[in-house]
N, C-alpha and C. Protein backbone atom coordinates (compact mmCIF):
# COMPACT_ATOMS: atom_id res chain seq x y z
N MET A 1 37.55 96.25 217.05
CA MET A 1 36.77 95.04 217.20
C MET A 1 35.97 94.81 215.91
N THR A 2 36.00 93.58 215.41
CA THR A 2 35.26 93.25 214.19
C THR A 2 33.78 93.04 214.49
N PHE A 3 32.98 93.05 213.42
CA PHE A 3 31.55 92.80 213.58
C PHE A 3 31.31 91.43 214.20
N SER A 4 32.04 90.42 213.75
CA SER A 4 31.90 89.06 214.31
C SER A 4 32.20 89.05 215.81
N GLU A 5 33.24 89.76 216.21
CA GLU A 5 33.59 89.81 217.63
C GLU A 5 32.50 90.52 218.44
N GLU A 6 31.92 91.57 217.87
CA GLU A 6 30.82 92.27 218.56
C GLU A 6 29.63 91.33 218.76
N ILE A 7 29.30 90.56 217.73
CA ILE A 7 28.18 89.62 217.82
C ILE A 7 28.48 88.54 218.86
N GLU A 8 29.70 88.00 218.83
CA GLU A 8 30.08 86.98 219.83
C GLU A 8 29.96 87.55 221.24
N ASP A 9 30.37 88.80 221.43
CA ASP A 9 30.25 89.43 222.74
C ASP A 9 28.78 89.55 223.18
N GLU A 10 27.90 89.89 222.23
CA GLU A 10 26.47 89.97 222.55
C GLU A 10 25.94 88.60 222.96
N ILE A 11 26.37 87.56 222.26
CA ILE A 11 25.94 86.20 222.60
C ILE A 11 26.44 85.82 224.00
N LYS A 12 27.70 86.09 224.27
CA LYS A 12 28.26 85.78 225.60
C LYS A 12 27.51 86.53 226.70
N GLU A 13 27.19 87.79 226.44
CA GLU A 13 26.44 88.60 227.41
C GLU A 13 25.06 87.98 227.65
N PHE A 14 24.38 87.58 226.59
CA PHE A 14 23.06 86.94 226.70
C PHE A 14 23.17 85.66 227.53
N VAL A 15 24.13 84.82 227.22
CA VAL A 15 24.30 83.54 227.93
C VAL A 15 24.62 83.79 229.40
N SER A 16 25.42 84.82 229.69
CA SER A 16 25.80 85.10 231.08
C SER A 16 24.60 85.51 231.93
N ARG A 17 23.54 86.00 231.30
CA ARG A 17 22.33 86.42 232.03
C ARG A 17 21.32 85.30 232.17
N THR A 18 21.65 84.13 231.68
CA THR A 18 20.69 83.02 231.69
C THR A 18 21.29 81.81 232.39
N GLU A 19 20.44 80.88 232.71
CA GLU A 19 20.89 79.59 233.23
C GLU A 19 20.54 78.54 232.19
N ASN A 20 21.26 77.46 232.20
CA ASN A 20 20.97 76.31 231.35
C ASN A 20 21.16 76.56 229.86
N ILE A 21 21.92 77.57 229.50
CA ILE A 21 22.33 77.79 228.12
C ILE A 21 23.85 77.82 228.15
N TYR A 22 24.47 76.95 227.37
CA TYR A 22 25.92 76.79 227.44
C TYR A 22 26.57 77.28 226.16
N TYR A 23 27.65 78.02 226.32
CA TYR A 23 28.36 78.67 225.22
C TYR A 23 29.70 77.98 225.00
N PHE A 24 29.96 77.60 223.75
CA PHE A 24 31.23 76.98 223.38
C PHE A 24 31.86 77.80 222.27
N PRO A 25 32.94 78.55 222.59
CA PRO A 25 33.58 79.38 221.56
C PRO A 25 34.32 78.52 220.54
N ASP A 26 34.40 79.01 219.33
CA ASP A 26 35.17 78.36 218.26
C ASP A 26 34.91 76.87 218.15
N SER A 27 33.66 76.50 218.17
CA SER A 27 33.29 75.09 218.08
C SER A 27 33.04 74.69 216.63
N ASN A 28 33.62 73.58 216.21
CA ASN A 28 33.36 73.02 214.88
C ASN A 28 32.41 71.83 214.96
N TYR A 29 32.06 71.43 216.16
CA TYR A 29 31.27 70.21 216.33
C TYR A 29 29.95 70.26 215.55
N GLY A 30 29.19 71.33 215.72
CA GLY A 30 27.89 71.43 215.06
C GLY A 30 27.99 71.40 213.55
N VAL A 31 28.97 72.11 213.00
CA VAL A 31 29.16 72.13 211.55
C VAL A 31 29.48 70.73 211.05
N GLU A 32 30.39 70.05 211.74
CA GLU A 32 30.75 68.68 211.34
C GLU A 32 29.55 67.75 211.44
N TYR A 33 28.79 67.86 212.51
CA TYR A 33 27.62 66.99 212.67
C TYR A 33 26.63 67.21 211.53
N LEU A 34 26.30 68.46 211.26
CA LEU A 34 25.32 68.74 210.19
C LEU A 34 25.83 68.29 208.83
N ASN A 35 27.09 68.58 208.53
CA ASN A 35 27.65 68.17 207.23
C ASN A 35 27.70 66.66 207.08
N ASN A 36 27.92 65.95 208.16
CA ASN A 36 28.02 64.49 208.09
C ASN A 36 26.66 63.79 208.12
N ASN A 37 25.61 64.48 208.52
CA ASN A 37 24.33 63.81 208.72
C ASN A 37 23.16 64.34 207.89
N PHE A 38 23.34 65.47 207.24
CA PHE A 38 22.28 66.03 206.41
C PHE A 38 22.85 66.40 205.05
N SER A 39 22.00 66.41 204.03
CA SER A 39 22.43 66.76 202.68
C SER A 39 22.75 68.25 202.60
N VAL A 40 23.77 68.57 201.80
CA VAL A 40 24.17 69.96 201.59
C VAL A 40 24.00 70.28 200.11
N LEU A 41 23.45 71.44 199.83
CA LEU A 41 23.30 71.92 198.46
C LEU A 41 23.95 73.29 198.41
N GLY A 42 25.06 73.40 197.73
CA GLY A 42 25.81 74.66 197.72
C GLY A 42 26.42 74.89 199.08
N THR A 43 26.01 75.98 199.72
CA THR A 43 26.54 76.30 201.05
C THR A 43 25.51 76.10 202.16
N LYS A 44 24.34 75.57 201.81
CA LYS A 44 23.28 75.39 202.82
C LYS A 44 22.84 73.94 202.91
N LEU A 45 22.28 73.60 204.04
CA LEU A 45 21.69 72.27 204.18
C LEU A 45 20.48 72.16 203.26
N ASP A 46 20.29 70.99 202.70
CA ASP A 46 19.12 70.72 201.87
C ASP A 46 18.22 69.76 202.63
N LEU A 47 17.37 70.31 203.46
CA LEU A 47 16.50 69.50 204.30
C LEU A 47 15.32 68.93 203.53
N SER A 48 15.15 69.34 202.28
CA SER A 48 14.01 68.86 201.48
C SER A 48 14.07 67.35 201.24
N LYS A 49 15.23 66.76 201.39
CA LYS A 49 15.39 65.32 201.20
C LYS A 49 15.09 64.52 202.47
N GLU A 50 14.83 65.22 203.55
CA GLU A 50 14.64 64.56 204.84
C GLU A 50 13.18 64.22 205.10
N ASN A 51 12.97 63.34 206.05
CA ASN A 51 11.63 62.93 206.47
C ASN A 51 10.91 64.11 207.13
N ASN A 52 9.60 64.16 206.99
CA ASN A 52 8.78 65.20 207.61
C ASN A 52 9.23 66.61 207.26
N TYR A 53 9.77 66.76 206.05
CA TYR A 53 10.25 68.07 205.60
C TYR A 53 9.10 69.07 205.53
N ILE A 54 9.36 70.25 206.05
CA ILE A 54 8.41 71.36 205.97
C ILE A 54 9.20 72.63 205.69
N SER A 55 8.70 73.45 204.79
CA SER A 55 9.30 74.77 204.59
C SER A 55 8.21 75.81 204.84
N TYR A 56 8.66 77.00 205.14
CA TYR A 56 7.72 78.07 205.50
C TYR A 56 8.35 79.40 205.14
N ASP A 57 7.59 80.26 204.52
CA ASP A 57 8.06 81.61 204.19
C ASP A 57 7.42 82.61 205.14
N PHE A 58 8.19 83.63 205.50
CA PHE A 58 7.68 84.69 206.37
C PHE A 58 8.26 86.02 205.91
N LYS A 59 7.72 87.11 206.44
CA LYS A 59 8.22 88.44 206.09
C LYS A 59 9.64 88.61 206.62
N LYS A 60 10.51 89.08 205.75
CA LYS A 60 11.93 89.27 206.09
C LYS A 60 12.08 90.04 207.41
N ASN A 61 12.93 89.50 208.28
CA ASN A 61 13.28 90.11 209.57
C ASN A 61 12.07 90.37 210.46
N ASP A 62 11.00 89.62 210.31
CA ASP A 62 9.78 89.82 211.09
C ASP A 62 9.59 88.65 212.05
N PHE A 63 10.00 88.85 213.30
CA PHE A 63 9.95 87.78 214.28
C PHE A 63 8.52 87.28 214.50
N LEU A 64 7.56 88.18 214.61
CA LEU A 64 6.18 87.77 214.88
C LEU A 64 5.59 86.95 213.73
N ASP A 65 5.96 87.28 212.51
CA ASP A 65 5.50 86.49 211.37
C ASP A 65 6.22 85.14 211.35
N MET A 66 7.50 85.14 211.64
CA MET A 66 8.29 83.90 211.65
C MET A 66 7.78 82.92 212.70
N ILE A 67 7.42 83.42 213.85
CA ILE A 67 7.05 82.56 214.97
C ILE A 67 5.76 81.78 214.69
N LYS A 68 4.98 82.22 213.71
CA LYS A 68 3.76 81.50 213.33
C LYS A 68 4.06 80.08 212.87
N PHE A 69 5.26 79.86 212.35
CA PHE A 69 5.67 78.52 211.93
C PHE A 69 5.47 77.52 213.07
N PHE A 70 5.71 77.95 214.28
CA PHE A 70 5.68 77.05 215.43
C PHE A 70 4.26 76.75 215.90
N GLU A 71 3.27 77.27 215.19
CA GLU A 71 1.90 76.86 215.44
C GLU A 71 1.67 75.45 214.93
N LEU A 72 2.61 74.96 214.11
CA LEU A 72 2.57 73.57 213.67
C LEU A 72 2.89 72.72 214.90
N LYS A 73 1.88 72.18 215.50
CA LYS A 73 1.96 71.57 216.83
C LYS A 73 3.03 70.49 216.96
N LYS A 74 3.14 69.60 215.99
CA LYS A 74 4.09 68.50 216.12
C LYS A 74 5.52 69.00 216.22
N ILE A 75 5.87 70.00 215.43
CA ILE A 75 7.23 70.53 215.47
C ILE A 75 7.48 71.24 216.79
N LYS A 76 6.56 72.07 217.21
CA LYS A 76 6.70 72.79 218.48
C LYS A 76 6.87 71.80 219.63
N GLU A 77 6.04 70.77 219.67
CA GLU A 77 6.15 69.77 220.74
C GLU A 77 7.50 69.07 220.71
N LYS A 78 7.94 68.69 219.52
CA LYS A 78 9.22 68.00 219.39
C LYS A 78 10.36 68.86 219.92
N ILE A 79 10.33 70.14 219.57
CA ILE A 79 11.37 71.07 220.02
C ILE A 79 11.30 71.25 221.54
N LEU A 80 10.13 71.52 222.07
CA LEU A 80 9.99 71.76 223.51
C LEU A 80 10.39 70.54 224.34
N LEU A 81 10.23 69.34 223.81
CA LEU A 81 10.59 68.12 224.54
C LEU A 81 12.07 67.76 224.41
N SER A 82 12.80 68.46 223.56
CA SER A 82 14.22 68.15 223.36
C SER A 82 15.00 68.40 224.64
N LYS A 83 15.84 67.44 224.96
CA LYS A 83 16.69 67.58 226.15
C LYS A 83 17.94 68.39 225.85
N GLU A 84 18.41 68.31 224.58
CA GLU A 84 19.64 69.02 224.23
C GLU A 84 19.55 69.49 222.78
N ILE A 85 19.40 70.80 222.62
CA ILE A 85 19.39 71.42 221.29
C ILE A 85 20.72 72.12 221.10
N HIS A 86 21.29 71.93 219.92
CA HIS A 86 22.52 72.63 219.54
C HIS A 86 22.15 73.75 218.59
N TYR A 87 22.87 74.87 218.70
CA TYR A 87 22.69 75.99 217.79
C TYR A 87 24.04 76.38 217.21
N ILE A 88 24.06 76.59 215.89
CA ILE A 88 25.21 77.22 215.25
C ILE A 88 24.69 78.21 214.21
N GLY A 89 25.53 79.18 213.89
CA GLY A 89 25.22 80.11 212.81
C GLY A 89 25.95 79.67 211.56
N ASP A 90 25.90 80.50 210.53
CA ASP A 90 26.51 80.08 209.27
C ASP A 90 27.72 80.90 208.86
N GLY A 91 28.40 81.52 209.79
CA GLY A 91 29.63 82.19 209.38
C GLY A 91 30.02 83.41 210.18
N ILE A 92 29.06 84.23 210.57
CA ILE A 92 29.41 85.42 211.35
C ILE A 92 29.91 84.99 212.72
N THR A 93 29.25 83.99 213.29
CA THR A 93 29.66 83.48 214.59
C THR A 93 30.40 82.16 214.41
N SER A 94 31.26 81.86 215.35
CA SER A 94 31.99 80.58 215.31
C SER A 94 31.71 79.75 216.56
N SER A 95 30.78 80.21 217.36
CA SER A 95 30.46 79.53 218.61
C SER A 95 29.28 78.58 218.42
N GLU A 96 29.05 77.82 219.47
CA GLU A 96 27.90 76.91 219.50
C GLU A 96 27.21 77.08 220.84
N LEU A 97 25.89 77.05 220.83
CA LEU A 97 25.10 77.08 222.05
C LEU A 97 24.42 75.74 222.22
N ILE A 98 24.28 75.31 223.46
CA ILE A 98 23.55 74.08 223.77
C ILE A 98 22.58 74.41 224.90
N PHE A 99 21.33 73.96 224.74
CA PHE A 99 20.28 74.28 225.70
C PHE A 99 19.14 73.28 225.52
N SER A 100 18.20 73.30 226.44
CA SER A 100 17.05 72.38 226.35
C SER A 100 15.92 73.04 225.57
N GLY A 101 14.94 72.23 225.23
CA GLY A 101 13.78 72.74 224.51
C GLY A 101 13.03 73.81 225.28
N LYS A 102 13.08 73.75 226.60
CA LYS A 102 12.40 74.77 227.41
C LYS A 102 12.95 76.17 227.16
N GLU A 103 14.22 76.24 226.75
CA GLU A 103 14.88 77.53 226.51
C GLU A 103 14.77 77.98 225.06
N PHE A 104 14.22 77.11 224.19
CA PHE A 104 14.29 77.35 222.75
C PHE A 104 13.76 78.71 222.33
N PHE A 105 12.57 79.08 222.74
CA PHE A 105 11.98 80.32 222.23
C PHE A 105 12.69 81.56 222.75
N ARG A 106 13.23 81.49 223.94
CA ARG A 106 14.02 82.62 224.46
C ARG A 106 15.30 82.78 223.65
N VAL A 107 15.97 81.66 223.37
CA VAL A 107 17.20 81.69 222.57
C VAL A 107 16.87 82.16 221.15
N LEU A 108 15.82 81.59 220.57
CA LEU A 108 15.44 81.95 219.20
C LEU A 108 15.18 83.45 219.07
N GLU A 109 14.42 84.02 219.98
CA GLU A 109 14.12 85.45 219.89
C GLU A 109 15.39 86.28 219.96
N PHE A 110 16.27 85.96 220.90
CA PHE A 110 17.53 86.70 221.01
C PHE A 110 18.34 86.60 219.71
N LEU A 111 18.53 85.39 219.21
CA LEU A 111 19.34 85.20 218.01
C LEU A 111 18.72 85.87 216.80
N PHE A 112 17.43 85.71 216.62
CA PHE A 112 16.75 86.28 215.46
C PHE A 112 16.89 87.79 215.44
N GLU A 113 16.78 88.41 216.60
CA GLU A 113 16.80 89.87 216.66
C GLU A 113 18.20 90.46 216.75
N ASN A 114 19.21 89.66 217.07
CA ASN A 114 20.55 90.21 217.30
C ASN A 114 21.67 89.63 216.44
N VAL A 115 21.43 88.51 215.81
CA VAL A 115 22.50 87.84 215.06
C VAL A 115 22.03 87.66 213.62
N PRO A 116 22.52 88.51 212.70
CA PRO A 116 22.03 88.49 211.32
C PRO A 116 22.71 87.42 210.46
N GLU A 117 22.34 86.19 210.69
CA GLU A 117 22.86 85.09 209.88
C GLU A 117 21.83 83.97 209.85
N HIS A 118 22.11 82.95 209.08
CA HIS A 118 21.23 81.78 209.08
C HIS A 118 21.43 81.05 210.40
N HIS A 119 20.33 80.57 210.96
CA HIS A 119 20.35 79.92 212.27
C HIS A 119 20.03 78.44 212.10
N TYR A 120 20.93 77.60 212.59
CA TYR A 120 20.75 76.15 212.52
C TYR A 120 20.57 75.60 213.93
N PHE A 121 19.47 74.89 214.14
CA PHE A 121 19.19 74.24 215.41
C PHE A 121 19.05 72.75 215.12
N PHE A 122 19.61 71.91 215.98
CA PHE A 122 19.45 70.47 215.78
C PHE A 122 19.47 69.73 217.09
N ASP A 123 18.85 68.55 217.07
CA ASP A 123 18.82 67.64 218.20
C ASP A 123 19.39 66.32 217.72
N GLU A 124 20.54 65.95 218.26
CA GLU A 124 21.20 64.70 217.84
C GLU A 124 20.37 63.46 218.17
N ASN A 125 19.72 63.46 219.32
CA ASN A 125 18.97 62.27 219.73
C ASN A 125 17.69 62.08 218.93
N GLU A 126 16.98 63.16 218.69
CA GLU A 126 15.72 63.07 217.95
C GLU A 126 15.92 63.23 216.45
N LYS A 127 17.13 63.60 216.05
CA LYS A 127 17.53 63.65 214.64
C LYS A 127 16.75 64.65 213.80
N TRP A 128 16.43 65.80 214.37
CA TRP A 128 15.79 66.84 213.57
C TRP A 128 16.73 68.02 213.41
N CYS A 129 16.47 68.80 212.37
CA CYS A 129 17.23 70.01 212.11
C CYS A 129 16.27 71.10 211.65
N LEU A 130 16.53 72.30 212.11
CA LEU A 130 15.71 73.46 211.78
C LEU A 130 16.64 74.56 211.30
N LEU A 131 16.36 75.11 210.13
CA LEU A 131 17.13 76.21 209.57
C LEU A 131 16.21 77.42 209.46
N ILE A 132 16.63 78.52 210.05
CA ILE A 132 15.85 79.76 209.98
C ILE A 132 16.73 80.84 209.37
N ALA A 133 16.26 81.40 208.26
CA ALA A 133 16.97 82.49 207.58
C ALA A 133 16.17 83.77 207.79
N THR A 134 16.83 84.79 208.32
CA THR A 134 16.13 86.05 208.59
C THR A 134 15.62 86.70 207.31
N GLU A 135 16.12 86.25 206.15
CA GLU A 135 15.62 86.78 204.88
C GLU A 135 14.18 86.36 204.62
N GLY A 136 13.67 85.38 205.39
CA GLY A 136 12.26 85.07 205.27
C GLY A 136 11.88 83.64 204.96
N TRP A 137 12.68 82.68 205.39
CA TRP A 137 12.26 81.29 205.17
C TRP A 137 12.81 80.36 206.25
N ILE A 138 12.09 79.26 206.41
CA ILE A 138 12.43 78.23 207.40
C ILE A 138 12.38 76.88 206.70
N ALA A 139 13.28 75.99 207.09
CA ALA A 139 13.23 74.60 206.62
C ALA A 139 13.41 73.70 207.83
N TYR A 140 12.66 72.61 207.85
CA TYR A 140 12.72 71.64 208.94
C TYR A 140 12.71 70.25 208.33
N GLY A 141 13.55 69.36 208.88
CA GLY A 141 13.55 67.98 208.43
C GLY A 141 14.09 67.06 209.51
N GLU A 142 13.76 65.79 209.37
CA GLU A 142 14.21 64.76 210.32
C GLU A 142 14.90 63.65 209.55
N LYS A 143 15.90 63.06 210.16
CA LYS A 143 16.53 61.91 209.54
C LYS A 143 15.53 60.77 209.52
N THR A 144 15.49 60.06 208.41
CA THR A 144 14.54 58.97 208.25
C THR A 144 14.84 57.81 209.18
N CYS A 145 16.11 57.45 209.31
CA CYS A 145 16.49 56.29 210.12
C CYS A 145 17.41 56.75 211.23
N LYS A 146 16.92 56.82 212.44
CA LYS A 146 17.70 57.32 213.56
C LYS A 146 18.90 56.43 213.89
N ASN A 147 18.86 55.17 213.55
CA ASN A 147 19.94 54.26 213.94
C ASN A 147 21.15 54.32 213.01
N ASN A 148 21.04 54.98 211.88
CA ASN A 148 22.14 55.01 210.93
C ASN A 148 22.98 56.26 211.02
N ILE A 149 22.84 57.02 212.05
CA ILE A 149 23.61 58.26 212.16
C ILE A 149 24.72 58.06 213.17
C-alpha cells in the first residue's frame, strides 16, 4: 500500500465515523474550480490578488498556534455560516470532502494532524478560499465579484 493510499484510508475511516461529511474519491472538481476561479502562481493559488486577502504565519505543524488565525471574527463567522465547504489537498490525496461550516473545525483538526499536505477549503456560493500549509502559513481571499464566476 502506498503512502497516498494509507492517507486516503485514514480519511475514509474519519468520514465513516461522522455524519454530514461526504467523501468523493478521485475527484477533479475542486481542482478545476480553484484553477478556473482563483489566480495561480507556480503550483499554488495566489490569493493575494483577491478581495479581503489575509495571510498569517504560525509555528510549523502547530495546530494550536494555527487555530489562532480563526480569532479573526469575520473569517470565522463566514466559515461557520457556510452551507457547503469543499476540501481538497494538493497532491497526496485525490479525494474531495464536502461538509457544512458547523463541521469545519472538526475536519480541519483531523486533516491538519493526519494529512501532511497543503489544505484548500472553499465555498462556491460565498466565493472564499482558504489555504493552510502545515509548514506554517495561511492565506485567505474572496472573489471580488460573486456574479462573474
